[in-house]
PDB file of all heavy atoms in Angstrom:
ATOM      1  N   SER A   1     -34.615   4.589 144.516  1.00  0.00           N
ATOM      2  CA  SER A   1     -33.741   5.736 144.327  1.00  0.00           C
ATOM      3  C   SER A   1     -32.422   5.275 143.619  1.00  0.00           C
ATOM      4  O   SER A   1     -32.071   4.174 143.617  1.00  0.00           O
ATOM      5  CB  SER A   1     -33.451   6.414 145.646  1.00  0.00           C
ATOM      6  OG  SER A   1     -32.576   5.537 146.404  1.00  0.00           O
ATOM      7  N   ASP A   2     -31.714   6.236 143.181  1.00  0.00           N
ATOM      8  CA  ASP A   2     -30.344   5.933 142.551  1.00  0.00           C
ATOM      9  C   ASP A   2     -29.427   5.307 143.567  1.00  0.00           C
ATOM     10  O   ASP A   2     -28.691   4.338 143.287  1.00  0.00           O
ATOM     11  CB  ASP A   2     -29.698   7.242 142.004  1.00  0.00           C
ATOM     12  CG  ASP A   2     -30.470   7.808 140.803  1.00  0.00           C
ATOM     13  OD1 ASP A   2     -31.174   7.056 140.082  1.00  0.00           O
ATOM     14  OD2 ASP A   2     -30.398   8.988 140.545  1.00  0.00           O
ATOM     15  N   ALA A   3     -29.523   5.763 144.791  1.00  0.00           N
ATOM     16  CA  ALA A   3     -28.655   5.229 145.869  1.00  0.00           C
ATOM     17  C   ALA A   3     -29.045   3.765 146.150  1.00  0.00           C
ATOM     18  O   ALA A   3     -28.101   2.858 146.392  1.00  0.00           O
ATOM     19  CB  ALA A   3     -28.754   6.041 147.112  1.00  0.00           C
ATOM     20  N   GLU A   4     -30.318   3.414 146.193  1.00  0.00           N
ATOM     21  CA  GLU A   4     -30.746   2.047 146.458  1.00  0.00           C
ATOM     22  C   GLU A   4     -30.319   1.158 145.352  1.00  0.00           C
ATOM     23  O   GLU A   4     -29.903   0.040 145.562  1.00  0.00           O
ATOM     24  CB  GLU A   4     -32.191   1.951 146.670  1.00  0.00           C
ATOM     25  CG  GLU A   4     -32.749   2.630 147.999  1.00  0.00           C
ATOM     26  CD  GLU A   4     -34.216   2.912 147.984  1.00  0.00           C
ATOM     27  OE1 GLU A   4     -34.764   3.231 146.924  1.00  0.00           O
ATOM     28  OE2 GLU A   4     -34.726   2.765 149.107  1.00  0.00           O
ATOM     29  N   ARG A   5     -30.493   1.627 144.138  1.00  0.00           N
ATOM     30  CA  ARG A   5     -30.162   0.785 142.961  1.00  0.00           C
ATOM     31  C   ARG A   5     -28.611   0.502 142.975  1.00  0.00           C
ATOM     32  O   ARG A   5     -28.173  -0.568 142.705  1.00  0.00           O
ATOM     33  CB  ARG A   5     -30.522   1.616 141.640  1.00  0.00           C
ATOM     34  CG  ARG A   5     -30.386   0.732 140.459  1.00  0.00           C
ATOM     35  CD  ARG A   5     -30.911   1.601 139.247  1.00  0.00           C
ATOM     36  NE  ARG A   5     -31.146   0.672 138.155  1.00  0.00           N
ATOM     37  CZ  ARG A   5     -31.754   0.986 137.026  1.00  0.00           C
ATOM     38  NH1 ARG A   5     -32.227   2.191 136.920  1.00  0.00           N
ATOM     39  NH2 ARG A   5     -31.903   0.206 136.099  1.00  0.00           N
ATOM     40  N   ALA A   6     -27.886   1.601 143.246  1.00  0.00           N
ATOM     41  CA  ALA A   6     -26.367   1.390 143.401  1.00  0.00           C
ATOM     42  C   ALA A   6     -25.981   0.451 144.477  1.00  0.00           C
ATOM     43  O   ALA A   6     -25.068  -0.377 144.421  1.00  0.00           O
ATOM     44  CB  ALA A   6     -25.767   2.787 143.626  1.00  0.00           C
ATOM     45  N   ALA A   7     -26.639   0.475 145.615  1.00  0.00           N
ATOM     46  CA  ALA A   7     -26.384  -0.487 146.738  1.00  0.00           C
ATOM     47  C   ALA A   7     -26.668  -1.857 146.309  1.00  0.00           C
ATOM     48  O   ALA A   7     -25.860  -2.805 146.629  1.00  0.00           O
ATOM     49  CB  ALA A   7     -27.243  -0.187 147.971  1.00  0.00           C
ATOM     50  N   VAL A   8     -27.726  -2.190 145.488  1.00  0.00           N
ATOM     51  CA  VAL A   8     -28.030  -3.512 144.999  1.00  0.00           C
ATOM     52  C   VAL A   8     -26.972  -3.923 144.014  1.00  0.00           C
ATOM     53  O   VAL A   8     -26.478  -5.060 144.050  1.00  0.00           O
ATOM     54  CB  VAL A   8     -29.503  -3.591 144.443  1.00  0.00           C
ATOM     55  CG1 VAL A   8     -29.654  -4.973 143.815  1.00  0.00           C
ATOM     56  CG2 VAL A   8     -30.476  -3.290 145.503  1.00  0.00           C
ATOM     57  N   ARG A   9     -26.502  -3.021 143.164  1.00  0.00           N
ATOM     58  CA  ARG A   9     -25.405  -3.352 142.241  1.00  0.00           C
ATOM     59  C   ARG A   9     -24.204  -3.672 142.991  1.00  0.00           C
ATOM     60  O   ARG A   9     -23.472  -4.561 142.555  1.00  0.00           O
ATOM     61  CB  ARG A   9     -25.148  -2.104 141.318  1.00  0.00           C
ATOM     62  CG  ARG A   9     -26.172  -1.938 140.182  1.00  0.00           C
ATOM     63  CD  ARG A   9     -25.829  -2.852 139.055  1.00  0.00           C
ATOM     64  NE  ARG A   9     -26.773  -2.564 137.962  1.00  0.00           N
ATOM     65  CZ  ARG A   9     -27.353  -3.460 137.220  1.00  0.00           C
ATOM     66  NH1 ARG A   9     -26.899  -4.713 137.243  1.00  0.00           N
ATOM     67  NH2 ARG A   9     -28.095  -3.088 136.240  1.00  0.00           N
ATOM     68  N   ALA A  10     -23.875  -2.967 144.085  1.00  0.00           N
ATOM     69  CA  ALA A  10     -22.706  -3.278 144.858  1.00  0.00           C
ATOM     70  C   ALA A  10     -22.734  -4.678 145.486  1.00  0.00           C
ATOM     71  O   ALA A  10     -21.734  -5.430 145.558  1.00  0.00           O
ATOM     72  CB  ALA A  10     -22.416  -2.187 145.878  1.00  0.00           C
ATOM     73  N   ILE A  11     -23.871  -5.045 145.988  1.00  0.00           N
ATOM     74  CA  ILE A  11     -24.079  -6.365 146.498  1.00  0.00           C
ATOM     75  C   ILE A  11     -23.861  -7.428 145.469  1.00  0.00           C
ATOM     76  O   ILE A  11     -23.201  -8.417 145.604  1.00  0.00           O
ATOM     77  CB  ILE A  11     -25.496  -6.514 147.104  1.00  0.00           C
ATOM     78  CG1 ILE A  11     -25.537  -5.645 148.448  1.00  0.00           C
ATOM     79  CG2 ILE A  11     -25.800  -7.921 147.468  1.00  0.00           C
ATOM     80  CD1 ILE A  11     -27.068  -5.426 148.972  1.00  0.00           C
ATOM     81  N   GLU A  12     -24.414  -7.140 144.228  1.00  0.00           N
ATOM     82  CA  GLU A  12     -24.278  -8.061 143.186  1.00  0.00           C
ATOM     83  C   GLU A  12     -22.831  -8.228 142.751  1.00  0.00           C
ATOM     84  O   GLU A  12     -22.285  -9.321 142.537  1.00  0.00           O
ATOM     85  CB  GLU A  12     -25.102  -7.584 141.923  1.00  0.00           C
ATOM     86  CG  GLU A  12     -25.011  -8.452 140.715  1.00  0.00           C
ATOM     87  CD  GLU A  12     -25.757  -7.953 139.505  1.00  0.00           C
ATOM     88  OE1 GLU A  12     -25.574  -6.630 139.247  1.00  0.00           O
ATOM     89  OE2 GLU A  12     -26.527  -8.654 138.939  1.00  0.00           O
ATOM     90  N   ARG A  13     -22.116  -7.098 142.648  1.00  0.00           N
ATOM     91  CA  ARG A  13     -20.629  -7.160 142.290  1.00  0.00           C
ATOM     92  C   ARG A  13     -19.806  -7.924 143.272  1.00  0.00           C
ATOM     93  O   ARG A  13     -18.859  -8.579 143.012  1.00  0.00           O
ATOM     94  CB  ARG A  13     -20.132  -5.721 142.132  1.00  0.00           C
ATOM     95  CG  ARG A  13     -20.499  -5.101 140.764  1.00  0.00           C
ATOM     96  CD  ARG A  13     -19.705  -3.844 140.524  1.00  0.00           C
ATOM     97  NE  ARG A  13     -19.865  -2.805 141.502  1.00  0.00           N
ATOM     98  CZ  ARG A  13     -20.800  -1.948 141.539  1.00  0.00           C
ATOM     99  NH1 ARG A  13     -21.775  -1.887 140.628  1.00  0.00           N
ATOM    100  NH2 ARG A  13     -20.872  -1.020 142.508  1.00  0.00           N
ATOM    101  N   ALA A  14     -20.244  -7.729 144.600  1.00  0.00           N
ATOM    102  CA  ALA A  14     -19.518  -8.458 145.640  1.00  0.00           C
ATOM    103  C   ALA A  14     -19.873  -9.895 145.748  1.00  0.00           C
ATOM    104  O   ALA A  14     -19.419 -10.588 146.631  1.00  0.00           O
ATOM    105  CB  ALA A  14     -19.698  -7.733 146.951  1.00  0.00           C
ATOM    106  N   ASP A  15     -20.844 -10.379 144.974  1.00  0.00           N
ATOM    107  CA  ASP A  15     -21.304 -11.748 144.849  1.00  0.00           C
ATOM    108  C   ASP A  15     -22.081 -12.012 146.284  1.00  0.00           C
ATOM    109  O   ASP A  15     -21.923 -13.145 146.763  1.00  0.00           O
ATOM    110  CB  ASP A  15     -20.228 -12.745 144.575  1.00  0.00           C
ATOM    111  CG  ASP A  15     -20.855 -14.086 144.177  1.00  0.00           C
ATOM    112  OD1 ASP A  15     -21.888 -14.052 143.472  1.00  0.00           O
ATOM    113  OD2 ASP A  15     -20.182 -15.019 144.255  1.00  0.00           O
ATOM    114  N   GLY A  16     -22.634 -10.977 146.840  1.00  0.00           N
ATOM    115  CA  GLY A  16     -23.267 -11.162 148.178  1.00  0.00           C
ATOM    116  C   GLY A  16     -24.755 -11.489 148.131  1.00  0.00           C
ATOM    117  O   GLY A  16     -25.422 -11.604 149.154  1.00  0.00           O
ATOM    118  N   ALA A  17     -25.309 -11.684 146.935  1.00  0.00           N
ATOM    119  CA  ALA A  17     -26.742 -11.963 146.728  1.00  0.00           C
ATOM    120  C   ALA A  17     -26.985 -13.504 146.759  1.00  0.00           C
ATOM    121  O   ALA A  17     -26.179 -14.202 146.183  1.00  0.00           O
ATOM    122  CB  ALA A  17     -27.304 -11.300 145.507  1.00  0.00           C
ATOM    123  N   ASP A  18     -27.977 -13.829 147.465  1.00  0.00           N
ATOM    124  CA  ASP A  18     -28.302 -15.344 147.452  1.00  0.00           C
ATOM    125  C   ASP A  18     -28.986 -15.794 146.162  1.00  0.00           C
ATOM    126  O   ASP A  18     -28.928 -16.917 145.840  1.00  0.00           O
ATOM    127  CB  ASP A  18     -29.277 -15.656 148.633  1.00  0.00           C
ATOM    128  CG  ASP A  18     -28.634 -15.450 149.984  1.00  0.00           C
ATOM    129  OD1 ASP A  18     -27.441 -15.540 150.043  1.00  0.00           O
ATOM    130  OD2 ASP A  18     -29.327 -15.237 150.976  1.00  0.00           O
ATOM    131  N   ASP A  19     -29.589 -14.832 145.483  1.00  0.00           N
ATOM    132  CA  ASP A  19     -30.290 -15.132 144.230  1.00  0.00           C
ATOM    133  C   ASP A  19     -29.686 -14.329 143.093  1.00  0.00           C
ATOM    134  O   ASP A  19     -29.032 -13.287 143.259  1.00  0.00           O
ATOM    135  CB  ASP A  19     -31.775 -14.799 144.315  1.00  0.00           C
ATOM    136  CG  ASP A  19     -32.499 -15.692 145.438  1.00  0.00           C
ATOM    137  OD1 ASP A  19     -32.205 -16.954 145.460  1.00  0.00           O
ATOM    138  OD2 ASP A  19     -33.205 -15.109 146.201  1.00  0.00           O
ATOM    139  N   ASP A  20     -30.094 -14.816 141.813  1.00  0.00           N
ATOM    140  CA  ASP A  20     -29.692 -13.989 140.671  1.00  0.00           C
ATOM    141  C   ASP A  20     -30.590 -12.669 140.676  1.00  0.00           C
ATOM    142  O   ASP A  20     -31.754 -12.728 140.873  1.00  0.00           O
ATOM    143  CB  ASP A  20     -29.982 -14.889 139.377  1.00  0.00           C
ATOM    144  CG  ASP A  20     -29.759 -14.043 138.165  1.00  0.00           C
ATOM    145  OD1 ASP A  20     -29.075 -13.106 138.175  1.00  0.00           O
ATOM    146  OD2 ASP A  20     -30.114 -14.658 137.022  1.00  0.00           O
ATOM    147  N   LEU A  21     -29.942 -11.566 140.485  1.00  0.00           N
ATOM    148  CA  LEU A  21     -30.634 -10.268 140.530  1.00  0.00           C
ATOM    149  C   LEU A  21     -31.125  -9.785 139.165  1.00  0.00           C
ATOM    150  O   LEU A  21     -31.662  -8.625 139.051  1.00  0.00           O
ATOM    151  CB  LEU A  21     -29.720  -9.256 141.285  1.00  0.00           C
ATOM    152  CG  LEU A  21     -29.349  -9.619 142.642  1.00  0.00           C
ATOM    153  CD1 LEU A  21     -28.360  -8.523 143.215  1.00  0.00           C
ATOM    154  CD2 LEU A  21     -30.737  -9.562 143.569  1.00  0.00           C
ATOM    155  N   ALA A  22     -30.971 -10.586 138.117  1.00  0.00           N
ATOM    156  CA  ALA A  22     -31.323 -10.106 136.782  1.00  0.00           C
ATOM    157  C   ALA A  22     -32.774  -9.645 136.696  1.00  0.00           C
ATOM    158  O   ALA A  22     -33.143  -8.611 136.116  1.00  0.00           O
ATOM    159  CB  ALA A  22     -31.048 -11.213 135.721  1.00  0.00           C
ATOM    160  N   ALA A  23     -33.699 -10.459 137.339  1.00  0.00           N
ATOM    161  CA  ALA A  23     -35.099 -10.117 137.319  1.00  0.00           C
ATOM    162  C   ALA A  23     -35.402  -8.825 138.063  1.00  0.00           C
ATOM    163  O   ALA A  23     -36.206  -8.033 137.682  1.00  0.00           O
ATOM    164  CB  ALA A  23     -35.896 -11.272 137.910  1.00  0.00           C
ATOM    165  N   PHE A  24     -34.701  -8.597 139.128  1.00  0.00           N
ATOM    166  CA  PHE A  24     -34.811  -7.431 139.885  1.00  0.00           C
ATOM    167  C   PHE A  24     -34.472  -6.193 138.986  1.00  0.00           C
ATOM    168  O   PHE A  24     -35.267  -5.245 138.846  1.00  0.00           O
ATOM    169  CB  PHE A  24     -33.934  -7.373 141.158  1.00  0.00           C
ATOM    170  CG  PHE A  24     -33.840  -6.017 141.821  1.00  0.00           C
ATOM    171  CD1 PHE A  24     -34.874  -5.583 142.692  1.00  0.00           C
ATOM    172  CD2 PHE A  24     -32.770  -5.146 141.597  1.00  0.00           C
ATOM    173  CE1 PHE A  24     -34.781  -4.394 143.333  1.00  0.00           C
ATOM    174  CE2 PHE A  24     -32.661  -3.942 142.221  1.00  0.00           C
ATOM    175  CZ  PHE A  24     -33.703  -3.559 143.061  1.00  0.00           C
ATOM    176  N   PHE A  25     -33.276  -6.256 138.370  1.00  0.00           N
ATOM    177  CA  PHE A  25     -32.875  -5.146 137.505  1.00  0.00           C
ATOM    178  C   PHE A  25     -33.788  -4.982 136.301  1.00  0.00           C
ATOM    179  O   PHE A  25     -33.981  -3.912 135.745  1.00  0.00           O
ATOM    180  CB  PHE A  25     -31.368  -5.274 137.159  1.00  0.00           C
ATOM    181  CG  PHE A  25     -30.555  -4.940 138.363  1.00  0.00           C
ATOM    182  CD1 PHE A  25     -29.729  -5.933 138.923  1.00  0.00           C
ATOM    183  CD2 PHE A  25     -30.417  -3.669 138.848  1.00  0.00           C
ATOM    184  CE1 PHE A  25     -28.996  -5.686 140.036  1.00  0.00           C
ATOM    185  CE2 PHE A  25     -29.640  -3.421 139.923  1.00  0.00           C
ATOM    186  CZ  PHE A  25     -28.916  -4.383 140.548  1.00  0.00           C
ATOM    187  N   ALA A  26     -34.304  -6.111 135.700  1.00  0.00           N
ATOM    188  CA  ALA A  26     -35.163  -6.009 134.569  1.00  0.00           C
ATOM    189  C   ALA A  26     -36.436  -5.186 134.913  1.00  0.00           C
ATOM    190  O   ALA A  26     -36.996  -4.498 134.090  1.00  0.00           O
ATOM    191  CB  ALA A  26     -35.537  -7.378 134.134  1.00  0.00           C
TER     192      ALA A  26
END
């Protein structure tokens, strides 16, 4: 959903992800 995608973007912006999220967004 748009909300789930936005939540993952927020985690990425906050540098809260353990891994690079480029593959996820691709």
